[in-house]
């Protein structure tokens, strides 16, 4: 089971507030809502791409909210192809390699390929 508590995010006039959210380990969890309701914002927060200092996310005894994005062991396929805008192309590739625990030697070899 995964428990999210006190997720609060404010950006200009947009506010996302989720006091409690429980995600079961088995099955499928669906997040739905109209355009602009905060679905993408929620996932960007869970991935660690957006910061919220109030959130606690308990999973298997760990607070995932305290981990860097690469330490959360979460994968996502974005609707649009894109890179992290604050990183170079090589840094984007290195981020993915680090998240997968790839050695520097293997990463550099794959990058050359």
PDB file of N, CA and C in Angstrom:
ATOM      1  N   UNK A   1       0.836  -1.173   0.000  1.00  0.00           N
ATOM      2  CA  UNK A   1       0.000   0.000   0.000  1.00  0.00           C
ATOM      3  C   UNK A   1       0.884   1.240   0.000  1.00  0.00           C
ATOM      4  N   UNK A   2       0.438   2.262  -0.647  1.00  0.00           N
ATOM      5  CA  UNK A   2       1.144   3.534  -0.728  1.00  0.00           C
ATOM      6  C   UNK A   2       0.216   4.615  -0.186  1.00  0.00           C
ATOM      7  N   UNK A   3       0.742   5.437   0.734  1.00  0.00           N
ATOM      8  CA  UNK A   3      -0.083   6.482   1.352  1.00  0.00           C
ATOM      9  C   UNK A   3       0.544   7.845   1.107  1.00  0.00           C
ATOM     10  N   UNK A   4      -0.241   8.726   0.540  1.00  0.00           N
ATOM     11  CA  UNK A   4       0.201  10.102   0.301  1.00  0.00           C
ATOM     12  C   UNK A   4      -0.613  11.004   1.215  1.00  0.00           C
ATOM     13  N   UNK A   5       0.096  11.873   1.923  1.00  0.00           N
ATOM     14  CA  UNK A   5      -0.570  12.781   2.857  1.00  0.00           C
ATOM     15  C   UNK A   5      -0.056  14.201   2.638  1.00  0.00           C
ATOM     16  N   UNK A   6      -0.963  15.147   2.785  1.00  0.00           N
ATOM     17  CA  UNK A   6      -0.642  16.585   2.770  1.00  0.00           C
ATOM     18  C   UNK A   6       0.034  17.050   1.492  1.00  0.00           C
ATOM     19  N   UNK A   7      -0.430  16.584   0.357  1.00  0.00           N
ATOM     20  CA  UNK A   7       0.108  17.070  -0.908  1.00  0.00           C
ATOM     21  C   UNK A   7      -0.544  18.419  -1.195  1.00  0.00           C
ATOM     22  N   UNK A   8       0.276  19.449  -1.227  1.00  0.00           N
ATOM     23  CA  UNK A   8      -0.209  20.795  -1.536  1.00  0.00           C
ATOM     24  C   UNK A   8       0.745  21.428  -2.534  1.00  0.00           C
ATOM     25  N   UNK A   9       0.173  21.982  -3.592  1.00  0.00           N
ATOM     26  CA  UNK A   9       0.979  22.622  -4.621  1.00  0.00           C
ATOM     27  C   UNK A   9       0.240  23.855  -5.109  1.00  0.00           C
ATOM     28  N   UNK A  10       0.936  24.982  -5.161  1.00  0.00           N
ATOM     29  CA  UNK A  10       0.361  26.239  -5.630  1.00  0.00           C
ATOM     30  C   UNK A  10       1.234  26.795  -6.742  1.00  0.00           C
ATOM     31  N   UNK A  11       0.600  27.176  -7.824  1.00  0.00           N
ATOM     32  CA  UNK A  11       1.307  27.828  -8.925  1.00  0.00           C
ATOM     33  C   UNK A  11       0.378  28.884  -9.501  1.00  0.00           C
ATOM     34  N   UNK A  12       0.774  30.136  -9.331  1.00  0.00           N
ATOM     35  CA  UNK A  12      -0.061  31.265  -9.742  1.00  0.00           C
ATOM     36  C   UNK A  12      -1.459  31.079  -9.162  1.00  0.00           C
ATOM     37  N   UNK A  13      -2.494  30.993  -9.981  1.00  0.00           N
ATOM     38  CA  UNK A  13      -3.851  30.852  -9.440  1.00  0.00           C
ATOM     39  C   UNK A  13      -4.287  29.386  -9.303  1.00  0.00           C
ATOM     40  N   UNK A  14      -3.418  28.445  -9.674  1.00  0.00           N
ATOM     41  CA  UNK A  14      -3.756  27.021  -9.594  1.00  0.00           C
ATOM     42  C   UNK A  14      -3.341  26.455  -8.242  1.00  0.00           C
ATOM     43  N   UNK A  15      -4.235  25.691  -7.634  1.00  0.00           N
ATOM     44  CA  UNK A  15      -3.952  25.030  -6.363  1.00  0.00           C
ATOM     45  C   UNK A  15      -4.346  23.564  -6.458  1.00  0.00           C
ATOM     46  N   UNK A  16      -3.448  22.696  -6.030  1.00  0.00           N
ATOM     47  CA  UNK A  16      -3.733  21.266  -5.942  1.00  0.00           C
ATOM     48  C   UNK A  16      -3.566  20.873  -4.484  1.00  0.00           C
ATOM     49  N   UNK A  17      -4.619  20.358  -3.885  1.00  0.00           N
ATOM     50  CA  UNK A  17      -4.585  19.943  -2.479  1.00  0.00           C
ATOM     51  C   UNK A  17      -5.182  18.549  -2.366  1.00  0.00           C
ATOM     52  N   UNK A  18      -4.369  17.619  -1.901  1.00  0.00           N
ATOM     53  CA  UNK A  18      -4.821  16.255  -1.667  1.00  0.00           C
ATOM     54  C   UNK A  18      -4.413  15.905  -0.239  1.00  0.00           C
ATOM     55  N   UNK A  19      -5.364  15.957   0.702  1.00  0.00           N
ATOM     56  CA  UNK A  19      -5.004  15.686   2.102  1.00  0.00           C
ATOM     57  C   UNK A  19      -4.610  14.226   2.336  1.00  0.00           C
ATOM     58  N   UNK A  20      -5.290  13.288   1.698  1.00  0.00           N
ATOM     59  CA  UNK A  20      -5.024  11.859   1.870  1.00  0.00           C
ATOM     60  C   UNK A  20      -5.300  11.131   0.559  1.00  0.00           C
ATOM     61  N   UNK A  21      -4.385  10.248   0.187  1.00  0.00           N
ATOM     62  CA  UNK A  21      -4.585   9.417  -0.999  1.00  0.00           C
ATOM     63  C   UNK A  21      -3.954   8.062  -0.724  1.00  0.00           C
ATOM     64  N   UNK A  22      -4.719   7.009  -0.935  1.00  0.00           N
ATOM     65  CA  UNK A  22      -4.229   5.647  -0.749  1.00  0.00           C
ATOM     66  C   UNK A  22      -4.202   4.963  -2.102  1.00  0.00           C
ATOM     67  N   UNK A  23      -3.051   4.373  -2.432  1.00  0.00           N
ATOM     68  CA  UNK A  23      -2.903   3.655  -3.691  1.00  0.00           C
ATOM     69  C   UNK A  23      -2.611   2.201  -3.355  1.00  0.00           C
ATOM     70  N   UNK A  24      -3.474   1.325  -3.802  1.00  0.00           N
ATOM     71  CA  UNK A  24      -3.318  -0.102  -3.509  1.00  0.00           C
ATOM     72  C   UNK A  24      -2.179  -0.699  -4.323  1.00  0.00           C
ATOM     73  N   UNK A  25      -1.585  -1.769  -3.778  1.00  0.00           N
ATOM     74  CA  UNK A  25      -0.461  -2.424  -4.440  1.00  0.00           C
ATOM     75  C   UNK A  25      -0.879  -3.212  -5.676  1.00  0.00           C
ATOM     76  N   UNK A  26      -2.072  -3.741  -5.678  1.00  0.00           N
ATOM     77  CA  UNK A  26      -2.530  -4.588  -6.782  1.00  0.00           C
ATOM     78  C   UNK A  26      -3.626  -3.882  -7.562  1.00  0.00           C
ATOM     79  N   UNK A  27      -3.759  -4.264  -8.804  1.00  0.00           N
ATOM     80  CA  UNK A  27      -4.832  -3.708  -9.623  1.00  0.00           C
ATOM     81  C   UNK A  27      -4.383  -2.462 -10.358  1.00  0.00           C
ATOM     82  N   UNK A  28      -5.353  -1.692 -10.760  1.00  0.00           N
ATOM     83  CA  UNK A  28      -5.103  -0.491 -11.547  1.00  0.00           C
ATOM     84  C   UNK A  28      -5.716   0.692 -10.815  1.00  0.00           C
ATOM     85  N   UNK A  29      -4.972   1.753 -10.723  1.00  0.00           N
ATOM     86  CA  UNK A  29      -5.476   3.000 -10.161  1.00  0.00           C
ATOM     87  C   UNK A  29      -5.618   3.993 -11.299  1.00  0.00           C
ATOM     88  N   UNK A  30      -6.768   4.605 -11.388  1.00  0.00           N
ATOM     89  CA  UNK A  30      -7.035   5.562 -12.460  1.00  0.00           C
ATOM     90  C   UNK A  30      -7.179   6.953 -11.857  1.00  0.00           C
ATOM     91  N   UNK A  31      -6.528   7.900 -12.468  1.00  0.00           N
ATOM     92  CA  UNK A  31      -6.683   9.303 -12.106  1.00  0.00           C
ATOM     93  C   UNK A  31      -7.353   9.965 -13.301  1.00  0.00           C
ATOM     94  N   UNK A  32      -8.525  10.507 -13.090  1.00  0.00           N
ATOM     95  CA  UNK A  32      -9.231  11.144 -14.205  1.00  0.00           C
ATOM     96  C   UNK A  32      -9.771  12.492 -13.774  1.00  0.00           C
ATOM     97  N   UNK A  33      -9.990  13.336 -14.744  1.00  0.00           N
ATOM     98  CA  UNK A  33     -10.538  14.659 -14.482  1.00  0.00           C
ATOM     99  C   UNK A  33     -10.472  15.480 -15.753  1.00  0.00           C
ATOM    100  N   UNK A  34     -11.111  16.617 -15.705  1.00  0.00           N
ATOM    101  CA  UNK A  34     -11.151  17.494 -16.875  1.00  0.00           C
ATOM    102  C   UNK A  34      -9.774  18.112 -17.084  1.00  0.00           C
ATOM    103  N   UNK A  35      -9.561  18.635 -18.265  1.00  0.00           N
ATOM    104  CA  UNK A  35      -8.317  19.314 -18.585  1.00  0.00           C
ATOM    105  C   UNK A  35      -8.088  20.448 -17.593  1.00  0.00           C
ATOM    106  N   UNK A  36      -6.876  20.496 -17.035  1.00  0.00           N
ATOM    107  CA  UNK A  36      -6.542  21.559 -16.089  1.00  0.00           C
ATOM    108  C   UNK A  36      -6.862  21.242 -14.642  1.00  0.00           C
ATOM    109  N   UNK A  37      -7.333  20.018 -14.376  1.00  0.00           N
ATOM    110  CA  UNK A  37      -7.721  19.681 -13.002  1.00  0.00           C
ATOM    111  C   UNK A  37      -6.550  19.258 -12.122  1.00  0.00           C
ATOM    112  N   UNK A  38      -5.374  19.001 -12.716  1.00  0.00           N
ATOM    113  CA  UNK A  38      -4.197  18.705 -11.914  1.00  0.00           C
ATOM    114  C   UNK A  38      -3.630  17.303 -12.071  1.00  0.00           C
ATOM    115  N   UNK A  39      -4.102  16.543 -13.046  1.00  0.00           N
ATOM    116  CA  UNK A  39      -3.602  15.165 -13.220  1.00  0.00           C
ATOM    117  C   UNK A  39      -2.108  15.153 -13.528  1.00  0.00           C
ATOM    118  N   UNK A  40      -1.684  15.924 -14.501  1.00  0.00           N
ATOM    119  CA  UNK A  40      -0.263  15.971 -14.862  1.00  0.00           C
ATOM    120  C   UNK A  40       0.568  16.557 -13.728  1.00  0.00           C
ATOM    121  N   UNK A  41       0.044  17.553 -13.061  1.00  0.00           N
ATOM    122  CA  UNK A  41       0.743  18.142 -11.918  1.00  0.00           C
ATOM    123  C   UNK A  41       0.947  17.101 -10.833  1.00  0.00           C
ATOM    124  N   UNK A  42      -0.070  16.310 -10.544  1.00  0.00           N
ATOM    125  CA  UNK A  42       0.039  15.246  -9.552  1.00  0.00           C
ATOM    126  C   UNK A  42       1.167  14.287  -9.923  1.00  0.00           C
ATOM    127  N   UNK A  43       1.201  13.817 -11.165  1.00  0.00           N
ATOM    128  CA  UNK A  43       2.235  12.878 -11.570  1.00  0.00           C
ATOM    129  C   UNK A  43       3.615  13.514 -11.564  1.00  0.00           C
ATOM    130  N   UNK A  44       3.721  14.766 -11.952  1.00  0.00           N
ATOM    131  CA  UNK A  44       5.018  15.443 -11.903  1.00  0.00           C
ATOM    132  C   UNK A  44       5.516  15.588 -10.465  1.00  0.00           C
ATOM    133  N   UNK A  45       4.606  15.779  -9.519  1.00  0.00           N
ATOM    134  CA  UNK A  45       4.986  15.834  -8.105  1.00  0.00           C
ATOM    135  C   UNK A  45       5.441  14.455  -7.645  1.00  0.00           C
ATOM    136  N   UNK A  46       4.684  13.408  -7.977  1.00  0.00           N
ATOM    137  CA  UNK A  46       5.048  12.056  -7.555  1.00  0.00           C
ATOM    138  C   UNK A  46       6.385  11.624  -8.160  1.00  0.00           C
ATOM    139  N   UNK A  47       6.658  12.047  -9.382  1.00  0.00           N
ATOM    140  CA  UNK A  47       7.923  11.723 -10.029  1.00  0.00           C
ATOM    141  C   UNK A  47       9.090  12.511  -9.439  1.00  0.00           C
ATOM    142  N   UNK A  48       8.774  13.601  -8.729  1.00  0.00           N
ATOM    143  CA  UNK A  48       9.815  14.450  -8.167  1.00  0.00           C
ATOM    144  C   UNK A  48      10.236  15.576  -9.083  1.00  0.00           C
ATOM    145  N   UNK A  49       9.466  15.806 -10.149  1.00  0.00           N
ATOM    146  CA  UNK A  49       9.787  16.873 -11.095  1.00  0.00           C
ATOM    147  C   UNK A  49       9.289  18.224 -10.609  1.00  0.00           C
ATOM    148  N   UNK A  50       8.290  18.216  -9.746  1.00  0.00           N
ATOM    149  CA  UNK A  50       7.806  19.420  -9.073  1.00  0.00           C
ATOM    150  C   UNK A  50       7.920  19.179  -7.576  1.00  0.00           C
ATOM    151  N   UNK A  51       8.272  20.212  -6.852  1.00  0.00           N
ATOM    152  CA  UNK A  51       8.519  20.067  -5.420  1.00  0.00           C
ATOM    153  C   UNK A  51       7.328  20.548  -4.604  1.00  0.00           C
ATOM    154  N   UNK A  52       7.045  19.806  -3.557  1.00  0.00           N
ATOM    155  CA  UNK A  52       6.097  20.238  -2.543  1.00  0.00           C
ATOM    156  C   UNK A  52       6.668  19.819  -1.200  1.00  0.00           C
ATOM    157  N   UNK A  53       6.896  20.776  -0.345  1.00  0.00           N
ATOM    158  CA  UNK A  53       7.571  20.493   0.927  1.00  0.00           C
ATOM    159  C   UNK A  53       6.635  19.881   1.967  1.00  0.00           C
ATOM    160  N   UNK A  54       5.348  19.907   1.711  1.00  0.00           N
ATOM    161  CA  UNK A  54       4.388  19.424   2.708  1.00  0.00           C
ATOM    162  C   UNK A  54       4.069  17.943   2.576  1.00  0.00           C
ATOM    163  N   UNK A  55       4.350  17.348   1.424  1.00  0.00           N
ATOM    164  CA  UNK A  55       3.899  15.986   1.141  1.00  0.00           C
ATOM    165  C   UNK A  55       4.739  14.930   1.854  1.00  0.00           C
ATOM    166  N   UNK A  56       4.059  13.904   2.333  1.00  0.00           N
ATOM    167  CA  UNK A  56       4.684  12.681   2.828  1.00  0.00           C
ATOM    168  C   UNK A  56       4.112  11.548   1.992  1.00  0.00           C
ATOM    169  N   UNK A  57       4.983  10.655   1.534  1.00  0.00           N
ATOM    170  CA  UNK A  57       4.544   9.551   0.686  1.00  0.00           C
ATOM    171  C   UNK A  57       5.159   8.269   1.215  1.00  0.00           C
ATOM    172  N   UNK A  58       4.398   7.540   1.982  1.00  0.00           N
ATOM    173  CA  UNK A  58       4.890   6.321   2.606  1.00  0.00           C
ATOM    174  C   UNK A  58       4.673   5.126   1.691  1.00  0.00           C
ATOM    175  N   UNK A  59       5.767   4.418   1.428  1.00  0.00           N
ATOM    176  CA  UNK A  59       5.711   3.189   0.647  1.00  0.00           C
ATOM    177  C   UNK A  59       6.774   2.247   1.185  1.00  0.00           C
ATOM    178  N   UNK A  60       6.341   1.102   1.671  1.00  0.00           N
ATOM    179  CA  UNK A  60       7.240   0.080   2.226  1.00  0.00           C
ATOM    180  C   UNK A  60       8.184   0.665   3.278  1.00  0.00           C
ATOM    181  N   UNK A  61       7.636   1.506   4.134  1.00  0.00           N
ATOM    182  CA  UNK A  61       8.412   2.065   5.238  1.00  0.00           C
ATOM    183  C   UNK A  61       9.312   3.232   4.879  1.00  0.00           C
ATOM    184  N   UNK A  62       9.285   3.693   3.645  1.00  0.00           N
ATOM    185  CA  UNK A  62      10.101   4.831   3.213  1.00  0.00           C
ATOM    186  C   UNK A  62       9.220   6.013   2.861  1.00  0.00           C
ATOM    187  N   UNK A  63       9.731   7.220   3.087  1.00  0.00           N
ATOM    188  CA  UNK A  63       9.049   8.430   2.642  1.00  0.00           C
ATOM    189  C   UNK A  63       9.637   8.804   1.286  1.00  0.00           C
ATOM    190  N   UNK A  64       8.946   8.408   0.216  1.00  0.00           N
ATOM    191  CA  UNK A  64       9.452   8.648  -1.141  1.00  0.00           C
ATOM    192  C   UNK A  64       9.576  10.130  -1.453  1.00  0.00           C
ATOM    193  N   UNK A  65       8.802  10.971  -0.772  1.00  0.00           N
ATOM    194  CA  UNK A  65       8.854  12.409  -1.030  1.00  0.00           C
ATOM    195  C   UNK A  65      10.215  12.994  -0.671  1.00  0.00           C
ATOM    196  N   UNK A  66      10.977  12.317   0.182  1.00  0.00           N
ATOM    197  CA  UNK A  66      12.295  12.808   0.588  1.00  0.00           C
ATOM    198  C   UNK A  66      13.393  12.369  -0.376  1.00  0.00           C
ATOM    199  N   UNK A  67      13.061  11.478  -1.303  1.00  0.00           N
ATOM    200  CA  UNK A  67      14.063  10.953  -2.233  1.00  0.00           C
ATOM    201  C   UNK A  67      14.157  11.808  -3.484  1.00  0.00           C
ATOM    202  N   UNK A  68      15.338  11.804  -4.096  1.00  0.00           N
ATOM    203  CA  UNK A  68      15.514  12.444  -5.394  1.00  0.00           C
ATOM    204  C   UNK A  68      14.711  11.655  -6.423  1.00  0.00           C
ATOM    205  N   UNK A  69      14.375  12.261  -7.565  1.00  0.00           N
ATOM    206  CA  UNK A  69      13.613  11.528  -8.583  1.00  0.00           C
ATOM    207  C   UNK A  69      14.256  10.193  -8.968  1.00  0.00           C
ATOM    208  N   UNK A  70      15.572  10.149  -9.074  1.00  0.00           N
ATOM    209  CA  UNK A  70      16.238   8.911  -9.482  1.00  0.00           C
ATOM    210  C   UNK A  70      16.148   7.825  -8.420  1.00  0.00           C
ATOM    211  N   UNK A  71      15.894   8.187  -7.170  1.00  0.00           N
ATOM    212  CA  UNK A  71      15.798   7.211  -6.098  1.00  0.00           C
ATOM    213  C   UNK A  71      14.399   6.682  -5.852  1.00  0.00           C
ATOM    214  N   UNK A  72      13.422   7.211  -6.563  1.00  0.00           N
ATOM    215  CA  UNK A  72      12.029   6.813  -6.332  1.00  0.00           C
ATOM    216  C   UNK A  72      11.635   5.537  -7.071  1.00  0.00           C
ATOM    217  N   UNK A  73      12.443   5.108  -8.017  1.00  0.00           N
ATOM    218  CA  UNK A  73      12.188   3.873  -8.765  1.00  0.00           C
ATOM    219  C   UNK A  73      10.803   3.875  -9.415  1.00  0.00           C
ATOM    220  N   UNK A  74      10.499   4.971 -10.086  1.00  0.00           N
ATOM    221  CA  UNK A  74       9.218   5.154 -10.763  1.00  0.00           C
ATOM    222  C   UNK A  74       9.501   5.428 -12.235  1.00  0.00           C
ATOM    223  N   UNK A  75       8.708   4.844 -13.094  1.00  0.00           N
ATOM    224  CA  UNK A  75       8.858   5.095 -14.530  1.00  0.00           C
ATOM    225  C   UNK A  75       7.564   5.685 -15.072  1.00  0.00           C
ATOM    226  N   UNK A  76       7.695   6.440 -16.117  1.00  0.00           N
ATOM    227  CA  UNK A  76       6.526   7.054 -16.742  1.00  0.00           C
ATOM    228  C   UNK A  76       6.799   7.180 -18.242  1.00  0.00           C
ATOM    229  N   UNK A  77       5.745   7.067 -19.010  1.00  0.00           N
ATOM    230  CA  UNK A  77       5.818   7.351 -20.438  1.00  0.00           C
ATOM    231  C   UNK A  77       4.982   8.602 -20.653  1.00  0.00           C
ATOM    232  N   UNK A  78       5.656   9.686 -21.004  1.00  0.00           N
ATOM    233  CA  UNK A  78       4.951  10.948 -21.186  1.00  0.00           C
ATOM    234  C   UNK A  78       4.169  10.936 -22.493  1.00  0.00           C
ATOM    235  N   UNK A  79       3.125  11.721 -22.518  1.00  0.00           N
ATOM    236  CA  UNK A  79       2.286  11.830 -23.697  1.00  0.00           C
ATOM    237  C   UNK A  79       3.063  12.464 -24.848  1.00  0.00           C
ATOM    238  N   UNK A  80       3.931  13.410 -24.526  1.00  0.00           N
ATOM    239  CA  UNK A  80       4.749  14.075 -25.527  1.00  0.00           C
ATOM    240  C   UNK A  80       6.197  13.679 -25.305  1.00  0.00           C
ATOM    241  N   UNK A  81       6.932  13.541 -26.383  1.00  0.00           N
ATOM    242  CA  UNK A  81       8.357  13.262 -26.249  1.00  0.00           C
ATOM    243  C   UNK A  81       9.044  14.545 -25.823  1.00  0.00           C
ATOM    244  N   UNK A  82       9.822  14.469 -24.789  1.00  0.00           N
ATOM    245  CA  UNK A  82      10.504  15.665 -24.321  1.00  0.00           C
ATOM    246  C   UNK A  82      11.603  15.312 -23.351  1.00  0.00           C
ATOM    247  N   UNK A  83      12.501  16.256 -23.171  1.00  0.00           N
ATOM    248  CA  UNK A  83      13.601  16.102 -22.249  1.00  0.00           C
ATOM    249  C   UNK A  83      13.375  17.021 -21.059  1.00  0.00           C
ATOM    250  N   UNK A  84      14.095  16.769 -19.973  1.00  0.00           N
ATOM    251  CA  UNK A  84      14.054  17.699 -18.863  1.00  0.00           C
ATOM    252  C   UNK A  84      14.666  19.000 -19.359  1.00  0.00           C
ATOM    253  N   UNK A  85      13.929  20.098 -19.312  1.00  0.00           N
ATOM    254  CA  UNK A  85      14.408  21.331 -19.937  1.00  0.00           C
ATOM    255  C   UNK A  85      15.624  21.947 -19.252  1.00  0.00           C
ATOM    256  N   UNK A  86      15.855  21.617 -17.992  1.00  0.00           N
ATOM    257  CA  UNK A  86      16.980  22.194 -17.264  1.00  0.00           C
ATOM    258  C   UNK A  86      18.266  21.385 -17.440  1.00  0.00           C
ATOM    259  N   UNK A  87      18.210  20.321 -18.261  1.00  0.00           N
ATOM    260  CA  UNK A  87      19.381  19.465 -18.491  1.00  0.00           C
ATOM    261  C   UNK A  87      19.722  19.440 -19.970  1.00  0.00           C
ATOM    262  N   UNK A  88      20.999  19.177 -20.257  1.00  0.00           N
ATOM    263  CA  UNK A  88      21.415  18.971 -21.645  1.00  0.00           C
ATOM    264  C   UNK A  88      20.924  17.595 -22.093  1.00  0.00           C
ATOM    265  N   UNK A  89      21.064  17.307 -23.378  1.00  0.00           N
ATOM    266  CA  UNK A  89      20.679  15.993 -23.890  1.00  0.00           C
ATOM    267  C   UNK A  89      21.471  14.876 -23.227  1.00  0.00           C
ATOM    268  N   UNK A  90      22.781  15.080 -23.093  1.00  0.00           N
ATOM    269  CA  UNK A  90      23.629  14.073 -22.457  1.00  0.00           C
ATOM    270  C   UNK A  90      23.226  13.891 -20.992  1.00  0.00           C
ATOM    271  N   UNK A  91      22.930  14.991 -20.289  1.00  0.00           N
ATOM    272  CA  UNK A  91      22.501  14.888 -18.886  1.00  0.00           C
ATOM    273  C   UNK A  91      21.180  14.125 -18.765  1.00  0.00           C
ATOM    274  N   UNK A  92      20.271  14.305 -19.724  1.00  0.00           N
ATOM    275  CA  UNK A  92      19.014  13.557 -19.724  1.00  0.00           C
ATOM    276  C   UNK A  92      19.277  12.064 -19.850  1.00  0.00           C
ATOM    277  N   UNK A  93      20.188  11.705 -20.745  1.00  0.00           N
ATOM    278  CA  UNK A  93      20.518  10.293 -20.936  1.00  0.00           C
ATOM    279  C   UNK A  93      21.206   9.739 -19.694  1.00  0.00           C
ATOM    280  N   UNK A  94      22.119  10.517 -19.122  1.00  0.00           N
ATOM    281  CA  UNK A  94      22.824  10.070 -17.920  1.00  0.00           C
ATOM    282  C   UNK A  94      21.850   9.895 -16.755  1.00  0.00           C
ATOM    283  N   UNK A  95      20.863  10.762 -16.643  1.00  0.00           N
ATOM    284  CA  UNK A  95      19.854  10.645 -15.588  1.00  0.00           C
ATOM    285  C   UNK A  95      19.138   9.296 -15.701  1.00  0.00           C
ATOM    286  N   UNK A  96      18.742   8.936 -16.922  1.00  0.00           N
ATOM    287  CA  UNK A  96      18.054   7.656 -17.117  1.00  0.00           C
ATOM    288  C   UNK A  96      18.971   6.481 -16.790  1.00  0.00           C
ATOM    289  N   UNK A  97      20.231   6.579 -17.172  1.00  0.00           N
ATOM    290  CA  UNK A  97      21.187   5.502 -16.880  1.00  0.00           C
ATOM    291  C   UNK A  97      21.394   5.367 -15.373  1.00  0.00           C
ATOM    292  N   UNK A  98      21.551   6.494 -14.676  1.00  0.00           N
ATOM    293  CA  UNK A  98      21.718   6.470 -13.216  1.00  0.00           C
ATOM    294  C   UNK A  98      20.492   5.878 -12.532  1.00  0.00           C
ATOM    295  N   UNK A  99      19.317   6.245 -13.014  1.00  0.00           N
ATOM    296  CA  UNK A  99      18.075   5.743 -12.413  1.00  0.00           C
ATOM    297  C   UNK A  99      17.956   4.236 -12.560  1.00  0.00           C
ATOM    298  N   UNK A 100      18.576   3.688 -13.587  1.00  0.00           N
ATOM    299  CA  UNK A 100      18.535   2.240 -13.819  1.00  0.00           C
ATOM    300  C   UNK A 100      19.726   1.518 -13.191  1.00  0.00           C
ATOM    301  N   UNK A 101      20.604   2.274 -12.513  1.00  0.00           N
ATOM    302  CA  UNK A 101      21.752   1.662 -11.867  1.00  0.00           C
ATOM    303  C   UNK A 101      22.829   1.208 -12.837  1.00  0.00           C
ATOM    304  N   UNK A 102      22.859   1.792 -14.020  1.00  0.00           N
ATOM    305  CA  UNK A 102      23.831   1.408 -15.036  1.00  0.00           C
ATOM    306  C   UNK A 102      25.214   1.922 -14.644  1.00  0.00           C
ATOM    307  N   UNK A 103      26.241   1.111 -14.820  1.00  0.00           N
ATOM    308  CA  UNK A 103      27.608   1.515 -14.493  1.00  0.00           C
ATOM    309  C   UNK A 103      28.058   2.623 -15.454  1.00  0.00           C
ATOM    310  N   UNK A 104      29.047   3.410 -14.993  1.00  0.00           N
ATOM    311  CA  UNK A 104      29.560   4.492 -15.842  1.00  0.00           C
ATOM    312  C   UNK A 104      30.170   3.945 -17.123  1.00  0.00           C
ATOM    313  N   UNK A 105      30.853   2.800 -17.016  1.00  0.00           N
ATOM    314  CA  UNK A 105      31.483   2.220 -18.193  1.00  0.00           C
ATOM    315  C   UNK A 105      30.435   1.829 -19.234  1.00  0.00           C
ATOM    316  N   UNK A 106      29.384   1.161 -18.772  1.00  0.00           N
ATOM    317  CA  UNK A 106      28.334   0.734 -19.697  1.00  0.00           C
ATOM    318  C   UNK A 106      27.598   1.943 -20.273  1.00  0.00           C
ATOM    319  N   UNK A 107      27.347   2.942 -19.425  1.00  0.00           N
ATOM    320  CA  UNK A 107      26.672   4.153 -19.881  1.00  0.00           C
ATOM    321  C   UNK A 107      27.490   4.850 -20.970  1.00  0.00           C
ATOM    322  N   UNK A 108      28.788   5.020 -20.732  1.00  0.00           N
ATOM    323  CA  UNK A 108      29.629   5.709 -21.711  1.00  0.00           C
ATOM    324  C   UNK A 108      29.725   4.922 -23.011  1.00  0.00           C
ATOM    325  N   UNK A 109      29.775   3.587 -22.908  1.00  0.00           N
ATOM    326  CA  UNK A 109      29.812   2.748 -24.100  1.00  0.00           C
ATOM    327  C   UNK A 109      28.510   2.914 -24.892  1.00  0.00           C
ATOM    328  N   UNK A 110      27.373   2.849 -24.186  1.00  0.00           N
ATOM    329  CA  UNK A 110      26.082   3.008 -24.860  1.00  0.00           C
ATOM    330  C   UNK A 110      25.930   4.395 -25.464  1.00  0.00           C
ATOM    331  N   UNK A 111      26.445   5.401 -24.767  1.00  0.00           N
ATOM    332  CA  UNK A 111      26.364   6.767 -25.280  1.00  0.00           C
ATOM    333  C   UNK A 111      27.158   6.910 -26.578  1.00  0.00           C
ATOM    334  N   UNK A 112      28.336   6.282 -26.642  1.00  0.00           N
ATOM    335  CA  UNK A 112      29.143   6.328 -27.871  1.00  0.00           C
ATOM    336  C   UNK A 112      28.397   5.634 -29.020  1.00  0.00           C
ATOM    337  N   UNK A 113      27.708   4.521 -28.690  1.00  0.00           N
ATOM    338  CA  UNK A 113      26.959   3.796 -29.719  1.00  0.00           C
ATOM    339  C   UNK A 113      25.845   4.661 -30.266  1.00  0.00           C
TER     340      UNK A 113
END
